[in-house]
Amino acid sequence: MRLAALVLTVIVFASCGGGGRSPQPGPTPQPTAIEQGPTPEPSIAGRPKPTPYPVPQVDVAPYLHEQGGRVVTVDVSGVEDVGKAVNQADNFDGPGKLVISGGGRIKTQVVVRHDVDWVGGIYTLDTETLEGGILLRDNVKNECKDATFI
């Protein structure tokens, strides 16, 4: 029994590096250039490879339109309710664009029918509706240029 415990202790001691000598590092193997061919396609034996589904061609030009027409610039810095000011500025007929700058609190839901560029400022959304703070009517483009929404 003592002999078995002694042999076991020596084996554990030697395998844990307790021999006092640290192992000498061997030469670092150099990478070899192995030329590999193309990776084979995975397949199920006896079944043909399926034809890939074609990628549809989508013309994005209609979505990147410019309404043209009147350009209304609105500086909303210092305004109590940015949403109300934007809705009032959007109240004109014909094509056009709103350029909004300054930042502030949006308390009233914004509903626009002209393209909108938010230029600079920090806008805080404080509306009390679950339908969204800024709604766009059909064919309206909304762009943010250096504006932050919280």
N, C-alpha and C. Protein backbone atom coordinates (compact mmCIF):
# COMPACT_ATOMS: atom_id res chain seq x y z
N MET A 1 0.82 -1.17 0.00
CA MET A 1 0.00 0.00 0.00
C MET A 1 0.88 1.26 0.00
N ARG A 2 1.92 1.23 0.87
CA ARG A 2 2.84 2.37 0.92
C ARG A 2 3.60 2.51 -0.39
N LEU A 3 3.94 1.40 -0.98
CA LEU A 3 4.67 1.43 -2.23
C LEU A 3 3.82 2.03 -3.34
N ALA A 4 2.53 1.68 -3.39
CA ALA A 4 1.63 2.22 -4.40
C ALA A 4 1.46 3.72 -4.22
N ALA A 5 1.34 4.18 -2.96
CA ALA A 5 1.19 5.62 -2.69
C ALA A 5 2.46 6.36 -3.07
N LEU A 6 3.61 5.74 -2.82
CA LEU A 6 4.88 6.37 -3.17
C LEU A 6 5.04 6.48 -4.68
N VAL A 7 4.70 5.43 -5.40
CA VAL A 7 4.80 5.45 -6.86
C VAL A 7 3.83 6.49 -7.43
N LEU A 8 2.63 6.55 -6.90
CA LEU A 8 1.63 7.52 -7.36
C LEU A 8 2.11 8.95 -7.09
N THR A 9 2.71 9.19 -5.95
CA THR A 9 3.22 10.51 -5.62
C THR A 9 4.34 10.91 -6.58
N VAL A 10 5.23 9.99 -6.90
CA VAL A 10 6.33 10.28 -7.82
C VAL A 10 5.79 10.59 -9.20
N ILE A 11 4.79 9.85 -9.67
CA ILE A 11 4.21 10.09 -10.99
C ILE A 11 3.55 11.46 -11.05
N VAL A 12 2.76 11.80 -10.02
CA VAL A 12 2.09 13.10 -9.99
C VAL A 12 3.12 14.22 -9.90
N PHE A 13 4.13 14.04 -9.07
CA PHE A 13 5.16 15.05 -8.89
C PHE A 13 5.92 15.29 -10.20
N ALA A 14 6.24 14.24 -10.92
CA ALA A 14 6.99 14.36 -12.17
C ALA A 14 6.12 14.96 -13.28
N SER A 15 4.84 14.60 -13.30
CA SER A 15 3.98 15.11 -14.37
C SER A 15 3.61 16.57 -14.17
N CYS A 16 3.68 17.06 -12.97
CA CYS A 16 3.35 18.46 -12.69
C CYS A 16 4.57 19.36 -12.81
N GLY A 17 5.67 18.86 -13.21
CA GLY A 17 6.86 19.69 -13.38
C GLY A 17 7.61 19.90 -12.10
N GLY A 18 7.47 19.03 -11.16
CA GLY A 18 8.13 19.19 -9.88
C GLY A 18 9.53 18.66 -9.86
N GLY A 19 10.09 18.32 -10.99
CA GLY A 19 11.43 17.78 -11.03
C GLY A 19 12.51 18.83 -10.86
N GLY A 20 12.17 20.10 -10.79
CA GLY A 20 13.15 21.14 -10.59
C GLY A 20 13.67 21.73 -11.88
N ARG A 21 13.61 21.04 -12.97
CA ARG A 21 14.09 21.57 -14.25
C ARG A 21 12.90 21.99 -15.09
N SER A 22 13.05 23.14 -15.71
CA SER A 22 11.98 23.54 -16.63
C SER A 22 12.30 22.94 -17.99
N PRO A 23 11.31 22.53 -18.71
CA PRO A 23 11.58 21.91 -20.01
C PRO A 23 12.18 22.91 -20.97
N GLN A 24 13.13 22.45 -21.77
CA GLN A 24 13.77 23.30 -22.77
C GLN A 24 12.86 23.41 -23.98
N PRO A 25 12.70 24.65 -24.46
CA PRO A 25 11.83 24.79 -25.63
C PRO A 25 12.49 24.17 -26.85
N GLY A 26 11.70 23.47 -27.64
CA GLY A 26 12.21 22.84 -28.85
C GLY A 26 12.19 23.83 -29.99
N PRO A 27 12.70 23.43 -31.12
CA PRO A 27 12.70 24.33 -32.28
C PRO A 27 11.26 24.60 -32.74
N THR A 28 11.02 25.84 -33.15
CA THR A 28 9.70 26.21 -33.64
C THR A 28 9.53 25.66 -35.04
N PRO A 29 8.46 24.89 -35.25
CA PRO A 29 8.28 24.34 -36.60
C PRO A 29 7.93 25.45 -37.58
N GLN A 30 8.51 25.38 -38.75
CA GLN A 30 8.24 26.35 -39.80
C GLN A 30 6.99 25.93 -40.56
N PRO A 31 6.15 26.92 -40.90
CA PRO A 31 4.95 26.55 -41.65
C PRO A 31 5.34 26.05 -43.04
N THR A 32 4.61 25.08 -43.49
CA THR A 32 4.86 24.53 -44.81
C THR A 32 3.78 25.01 -45.75
N ALA A 33 4.16 25.18 -46.98
CA ALA A 33 3.21 25.63 -47.99
C ALA A 33 2.47 24.42 -48.52
N ILE A 34 1.21 24.36 -48.17
CA ILE A 34 0.38 23.26 -48.65
C ILE A 34 -0.57 23.85 -49.67
N GLU A 35 -0.51 23.31 -50.83
CA GLU A 35 -1.37 23.83 -51.89
C GLU A 35 -2.69 23.08 -51.80
N GLN A 36 -3.75 23.86 -51.60
CA GLN A 36 -5.06 23.26 -51.49
C GLN A 36 -5.90 23.69 -52.67
N GLY A 37 -6.70 22.82 -53.13
CA GLY A 37 -7.63 23.13 -54.21
C GLY A 37 -8.88 23.79 -53.65
N PRO A 38 -9.83 24.08 -54.49
CA PRO A 38 -11.06 24.69 -54.01
C PRO A 38 -11.81 23.75 -53.07
N THR A 39 -12.48 24.34 -52.10
CA THR A 39 -13.25 23.55 -51.14
C THR A 39 -14.44 22.92 -51.86
N PRO A 40 -14.61 21.62 -51.73
CA PRO A 40 -15.74 21.01 -52.42
C PRO A 40 -17.07 21.44 -51.81
N GLU A 41 -18.07 21.57 -52.67
CA GLU A 41 -19.41 21.95 -52.22
C GLU A 41 -20.01 20.79 -51.44
N PRO A 42 -20.67 21.08 -50.30
CA PRO A 42 -21.33 19.97 -49.59
C PRO A 42 -22.51 19.47 -50.42
N SER A 43 -22.66 18.19 -50.46
CA SER A 43 -23.77 17.62 -51.22
C SER A 43 -24.26 16.36 -50.53
N ILE A 44 -25.46 16.00 -50.87
CA ILE A 44 -26.04 14.77 -50.36
C ILE A 44 -25.93 13.75 -51.48
N ALA A 45 -25.41 12.61 -51.16
CA ALA A 45 -25.17 11.59 -52.18
C ALA A 45 -26.47 11.24 -52.90
N GLY A 46 -26.40 11.24 -54.23
CA GLY A 46 -27.56 10.83 -55.02
C GLY A 46 -28.54 11.95 -55.33
N ARG A 47 -28.29 13.16 -54.81
CA ARG A 47 -29.21 14.28 -55.08
C ARG A 47 -28.46 15.37 -55.83
N PRO A 48 -29.12 15.98 -56.83
CA PRO A 48 -28.45 17.06 -57.56
C PRO A 48 -28.40 18.34 -56.73
N LYS A 49 -27.42 19.16 -57.02
CA LYS A 49 -27.27 20.44 -56.35
C LYS A 49 -28.41 21.37 -56.80
N PRO A 50 -29.12 22.03 -55.87
CA PRO A 50 -30.24 22.88 -56.28
C PRO A 50 -29.77 24.15 -57.00
N THR A 51 -30.61 24.66 -57.87
CA THR A 51 -30.33 25.90 -58.58
C THR A 51 -30.54 27.07 -57.63
N PRO A 52 -29.60 28.01 -57.55
CA PRO A 52 -29.78 29.14 -56.63
C PRO A 52 -30.93 30.04 -57.08
N TYR A 53 -31.59 30.64 -56.10
CA TYR A 53 -32.71 31.54 -56.38
C TYR A 53 -32.15 32.84 -56.94
N PRO A 54 -32.72 33.36 -58.03
CA PRO A 54 -32.17 34.59 -58.61
C PRO A 54 -32.42 35.81 -57.72
N VAL A 55 -31.47 36.71 -57.68
CA VAL A 55 -31.59 37.94 -56.90
C VAL A 55 -32.43 38.93 -57.70
N PRO A 56 -33.50 39.46 -57.10
CA PRO A 56 -34.34 40.39 -57.86
C PRO A 56 -33.63 41.72 -58.11
N GLN A 57 -33.90 42.31 -59.25
CA GLN A 57 -33.36 43.63 -59.58
C GLN A 57 -34.32 44.69 -59.06
N VAL A 58 -33.84 45.57 -58.20
CA VAL A 58 -34.68 46.61 -57.60
C VAL A 58 -34.14 47.97 -58.03
N ASP A 59 -35.00 48.79 -58.58
CA ASP A 59 -34.63 50.15 -58.96
C ASP A 59 -34.95 51.06 -57.79
N VAL A 60 -33.92 51.61 -57.13
CA VAL A 60 -34.14 52.45 -55.96
C VAL A 60 -34.34 53.91 -56.31
N ALA A 61 -34.22 54.27 -57.58
CA ALA A 61 -34.35 55.67 -57.99
C ALA A 61 -35.67 56.31 -57.55
N PRO A 62 -36.80 55.62 -57.62
CA PRO A 62 -38.04 56.27 -57.18
C PRO A 62 -38.06 56.62 -55.69
N TYR A 63 -37.26 55.91 -54.90
CA TYR A 63 -37.23 56.18 -53.46
C TYR A 63 -36.28 57.32 -53.11
N LEU A 64 -35.43 57.71 -54.03
CA LEU A 64 -34.46 58.77 -53.78
C LEU A 64 -34.85 60.06 -54.49
N HIS A 65 -36.10 60.29 -54.58
CA HIS A 65 -36.61 61.45 -55.32
C HIS A 65 -36.36 62.76 -54.58
N GLU A 66 -36.46 63.82 -55.28
CA GLU A 66 -36.48 65.17 -54.71
C GLU A 66 -37.79 65.79 -55.15
N GLN A 67 -38.56 66.30 -54.21
CA GLN A 67 -39.83 66.91 -54.57
C GLN A 67 -39.64 68.19 -55.37
N GLY A 68 -38.51 68.88 -55.13
CA GLY A 68 -38.33 70.16 -55.79
C GLY A 68 -39.28 71.19 -55.18
N GLY A 69 -39.47 72.29 -55.85
CA GLY A 69 -40.42 73.30 -55.36
C GLY A 69 -39.85 74.15 -54.25
N ARG A 70 -40.74 74.57 -53.38
CA ARG A 70 -40.43 75.52 -52.31
C ARG A 70 -39.58 74.87 -51.21
N VAL A 71 -38.60 75.62 -50.70
CA VAL A 71 -37.78 75.17 -49.57
C VAL A 71 -38.06 76.08 -48.39
N VAL A 72 -38.56 75.50 -47.30
CA VAL A 72 -38.89 76.25 -46.09
C VAL A 72 -37.85 75.90 -45.03
N THR A 73 -37.13 76.91 -44.54
CA THR A 73 -36.13 76.72 -43.50
C THR A 73 -36.72 77.15 -42.17
N VAL A 74 -36.63 76.24 -41.18
CA VAL A 74 -37.21 76.51 -39.86
C VAL A 74 -36.12 76.34 -38.81
N ASP A 75 -35.85 77.40 -38.04
CA ASP A 75 -34.92 77.31 -36.91
C ASP A 75 -35.77 77.16 -35.66
N VAL A 76 -35.72 75.98 -35.04
CA VAL A 76 -36.59 75.70 -33.90
C VAL A 76 -35.87 75.82 -32.57
N SER A 77 -34.66 76.38 -32.56
CA SER A 77 -33.95 76.53 -31.29
C SER A 77 -34.70 77.54 -30.43
N GLY A 78 -34.95 77.16 -29.20
CA GLY A 78 -35.67 78.03 -28.26
C GLY A 78 -37.18 77.93 -28.36
N VAL A 79 -37.71 77.12 -29.27
CA VAL A 79 -39.16 76.95 -29.42
C VAL A 79 -39.63 75.96 -28.36
N GLU A 80 -40.78 76.24 -27.75
CA GLU A 80 -41.33 75.38 -26.70
C GLU A 80 -41.67 73.99 -27.23
N ASP A 81 -42.31 73.91 -28.41
CA ASP A 81 -42.74 72.63 -28.98
C ASP A 81 -42.31 72.56 -30.44
N VAL A 82 -41.28 71.77 -30.71
CA VAL A 82 -40.75 71.64 -32.07
C VAL A 82 -41.79 71.01 -32.99
N GLY A 83 -42.55 70.04 -32.51
CA GLY A 83 -43.55 69.37 -33.32
C GLY A 83 -44.60 70.32 -33.86
N LYS A 84 -45.06 71.22 -33.02
CA LYS A 84 -46.06 72.20 -33.44
C LYS A 84 -45.48 73.15 -34.50
N ALA A 85 -44.23 73.58 -34.31
CA ALA A 85 -43.59 74.48 -35.27
C ALA A 85 -43.37 73.80 -36.62
N VAL A 86 -42.99 72.53 -36.61
CA VAL A 86 -42.78 71.79 -37.86
C VAL A 86 -44.10 71.59 -38.58
N ASN A 87 -45.14 71.23 -37.86
CA ASN A 87 -46.46 71.05 -38.48
C ASN A 87 -46.96 72.35 -39.11
N GLN A 88 -46.73 73.48 -38.47
CA GLN A 88 -47.14 74.77 -39.03
C GLN A 88 -46.33 75.10 -40.28
N ALA A 89 -45.03 74.81 -40.25
CA ALA A 89 -44.19 75.11 -41.41
C ALA A 89 -44.52 74.21 -42.59
N ASP A 90 -45.04 73.02 -42.33
CA ASP A 90 -45.38 72.07 -43.39
C ASP A 90 -46.73 72.37 -44.03
N ASN A 91 -47.41 73.37 -43.56
CA ASN A 91 -48.76 73.68 -44.02
C ASN A 91 -48.70 74.60 -45.25
N PHE A 92 -48.25 74.06 -46.39
CA PHE A 92 -48.29 74.81 -47.65
C PHE A 92 -48.59 73.84 -48.78
N ASP A 93 -49.12 74.33 -49.87
CA ASP A 93 -49.50 73.50 -51.01
C ASP A 93 -48.34 73.36 -51.99
N GLY A 94 -48.35 72.28 -52.75
CA GLY A 94 -47.35 72.07 -53.78
C GLY A 94 -46.15 71.32 -53.26
N PRO A 95 -45.23 70.98 -54.16
CA PRO A 95 -44.03 70.25 -53.74
C PRO A 95 -43.10 71.15 -52.94
N GLY A 96 -42.25 70.52 -52.13
CA GLY A 96 -41.31 71.32 -51.35
C GLY A 96 -40.54 70.49 -50.36
N LYS A 97 -39.74 71.21 -49.59
CA LYS A 97 -38.86 70.58 -48.61
C LYS A 97 -38.79 71.45 -47.38
N LEU A 98 -38.74 70.80 -46.20
CA LEU A 98 -38.53 71.50 -44.93
C LEU A 98 -37.09 71.25 -44.49
N VAL A 99 -36.39 72.31 -44.11
CA VAL A 99 -35.05 72.19 -43.55
C VAL A 99 -35.16 72.68 -42.11
N ILE A 100 -35.01 71.76 -41.16
CA ILE A 100 -35.24 72.06 -39.75
C ILE A 100 -33.91 72.01 -39.02
N SER A 101 -33.63 73.03 -38.21
CA SER A 101 -32.37 73.08 -37.47
C SER A 101 -32.61 73.64 -36.08
N GLY A 102 -31.67 73.39 -35.19
CA GLY A 102 -31.72 74.01 -33.87
C GLY A 102 -31.93 73.05 -32.73
N GLY A 103 -32.71 72.00 -32.92
CA GLY A 103 -32.96 71.06 -31.84
C GLY A 103 -34.00 71.55 -30.86
N GLY A 104 -34.47 70.65 -30.01
CA GLY A 104 -35.47 70.99 -29.00
C GLY A 104 -36.35 69.79 -28.67
N ARG A 105 -37.45 70.07 -27.97
CA ARG A 105 -38.37 69.02 -27.52
C ARG A 105 -39.54 68.90 -28.49
N ILE A 106 -39.81 67.68 -28.95
CA ILE A 106 -40.96 67.41 -29.81
C ILE A 106 -42.07 66.89 -28.91
N LYS A 107 -43.04 67.78 -28.61
CA LYS A 107 -44.15 67.42 -27.72
C LYS A 107 -45.39 67.02 -28.50
N THR A 108 -45.57 67.60 -29.68
CA THR A 108 -46.72 67.30 -30.53
C THR A 108 -46.25 66.38 -31.65
N GLN A 109 -47.06 65.39 -31.98
CA GLN A 109 -46.72 64.45 -33.05
C GLN A 109 -46.53 65.20 -34.37
N VAL A 110 -45.43 64.94 -35.05
CA VAL A 110 -45.13 65.59 -36.32
C VAL A 110 -45.69 64.72 -37.44
N VAL A 111 -46.49 65.32 -38.34
CA VAL A 111 -47.01 64.63 -39.52
C VAL A 111 -46.67 65.52 -40.71
N VAL A 112 -45.75 65.03 -41.58
CA VAL A 112 -45.29 65.86 -42.68
C VAL A 112 -45.68 65.26 -44.03
N ARG A 113 -45.89 66.15 -44.99
CA ARG A 113 -46.22 65.72 -46.35
C ARG A 113 -45.21 66.24 -47.37
N HIS A 114 -44.18 66.91 -46.89
CA HIS A 114 -43.08 67.38 -47.73
C HIS A 114 -41.79 66.75 -47.23
N ASP A 115 -40.77 66.68 -48.09
CA ASP A 115 -39.48 66.13 -47.68
C ASP A 115 -38.93 66.92 -46.50
N VAL A 116 -38.20 66.23 -45.62
CA VAL A 116 -37.69 66.87 -44.40
C VAL A 116 -36.19 66.59 -44.28
N ASP A 117 -35.43 67.64 -44.03
CA ASP A 117 -34.01 67.53 -43.68
C ASP A 117 -33.84 68.07 -42.27
N TRP A 118 -33.43 67.22 -41.34
CA TRP A 118 -33.12 67.64 -39.97
C TRP A 118 -31.63 67.96 -39.96
N VAL A 119 -31.29 69.23 -39.78
CA VAL A 119 -29.90 69.67 -39.88
C VAL A 119 -29.45 70.16 -38.51
N GLY A 120 -28.55 69.43 -37.89
CA GLY A 120 -27.97 69.84 -36.62
C GLY A 120 -28.97 69.90 -35.48
N GLY A 121 -28.46 69.76 -34.28
CA GLY A 121 -29.28 69.87 -33.08
C GLY A 121 -29.58 68.52 -32.46
N ILE A 122 -30.06 68.58 -31.23
CA ILE A 122 -30.49 67.39 -30.50
C ILE A 122 -31.99 67.52 -30.28
N TYR A 123 -32.73 66.53 -30.72
CA TYR A 123 -34.18 66.54 -30.63
C TYR A 123 -34.62 65.46 -29.64
N THR A 124 -35.44 65.85 -28.67
CA THR A 124 -35.95 64.94 -27.67
C THR A 124 -37.41 64.67 -27.96
N LEU A 125 -37.77 63.40 -28.07
CA LEU A 125 -39.14 63.02 -28.37
C LEU A 125 -39.93 62.89 -27.08
N ASP A 126 -40.89 63.80 -26.86
CA ASP A 126 -41.70 63.82 -25.64
C ASP A 126 -43.18 63.70 -25.95
N THR A 127 -43.54 63.02 -27.04
CA THR A 127 -44.96 62.89 -27.39
C THR A 127 -45.61 61.87 -26.47
N GLU A 128 -46.92 61.99 -26.31
CA GLU A 128 -47.66 61.07 -25.46
C GLU A 128 -48.51 60.13 -26.30
N THR A 129 -48.03 59.75 -27.45
CA THR A 129 -48.77 58.85 -28.32
C THR A 129 -47.96 57.58 -28.55
N LEU A 130 -48.65 56.49 -28.79
CA LEU A 130 -47.98 55.22 -29.07
C LEU A 130 -47.85 54.98 -30.57
N GLU A 131 -48.32 55.92 -31.38
CA GLU A 131 -48.34 55.76 -32.83
C GLU A 131 -47.05 56.24 -33.49
N GLY A 132 -46.16 56.84 -32.78
CA GLY A 132 -44.93 57.35 -33.35
C GLY A 132 -44.85 58.85 -33.20
N GLY A 133 -43.64 59.35 -33.09
CA GLY A 133 -43.44 60.78 -32.89
C GLY A 133 -43.38 61.57 -34.18
N ILE A 134 -42.88 60.94 -35.24
CA ILE A 134 -42.77 61.60 -36.54
C ILE A 134 -43.37 60.66 -37.59
N LEU A 135 -44.43 61.11 -38.22
CA LEU A 135 -45.09 60.31 -39.26
C LEU A 135 -44.87 60.97 -40.61
N LEU A 136 -44.63 60.16 -41.62
CA LEU A 136 -44.40 60.64 -42.98
C LEU A 136 -45.57 60.20 -43.85
N ARG A 137 -46.10 61.12 -44.61
CA ARG A 137 -47.14 60.74 -45.58
C ARG A 137 -46.48 60.05 -46.76
N ASP A 138 -47.28 59.60 -47.72
CA ASP A 138 -46.75 58.88 -48.88
C ASP A 138 -45.74 59.72 -49.65
N ASN A 139 -44.70 59.05 -50.15
CA ASN A 139 -43.67 59.65 -51.00
C ASN A 139 -42.91 60.80 -50.34
N VAL A 140 -42.69 60.71 -49.05
CA VAL A 140 -41.95 61.73 -48.32
C VAL A 140 -40.60 61.15 -47.89
N LYS A 141 -39.55 61.92 -48.11
CA LYS A 141 -38.19 61.50 -47.74
C LYS A 141 -37.79 62.23 -46.47
N ASN A 142 -37.25 61.50 -45.51
CA ASN A 142 -36.81 62.05 -44.23
C ASN A 142 -35.31 61.82 -44.11
N GLU A 143 -34.53 62.90 -43.95
CA GLU A 143 -33.08 62.80 -43.86
C GLU A 143 -32.57 63.50 -42.61
N CYS A 144 -31.56 62.90 -41.97
CA CYS A 144 -30.91 63.52 -40.81
C CYS A 144 -29.48 63.85 -41.19
N LYS A 145 -29.10 65.09 -41.03
CA LYS A 145 -27.75 65.54 -41.31
C LYS A 145 -27.21 66.19 -40.05
N ASP A 146 -26.38 65.48 -39.32
CA ASP A 146 -25.79 65.96 -38.05
C ASP A 146 -26.85 66.27 -37.01
N ALA A 147 -27.95 65.54 -37.00
CA ALA A 147 -28.99 65.70 -35.98
C ALA A 147 -29.03 64.43 -35.14
N THR A 148 -29.35 64.59 -33.85
CA THR A 148 -29.45 63.47 -32.94
C THR A 148 -30.85 63.43 -32.35
N PHE A 149 -31.46 62.23 -32.36
CA PHE A 149 -32.80 62.08 -31.77
C PHE A 149 -32.70 61.20 -30.55
N ILE A 150 -33.34 61.66 -29.47
CA ILE A 150 -33.34 60.90 -28.20
C ILE A 150 -34.76 60.52 -27.90
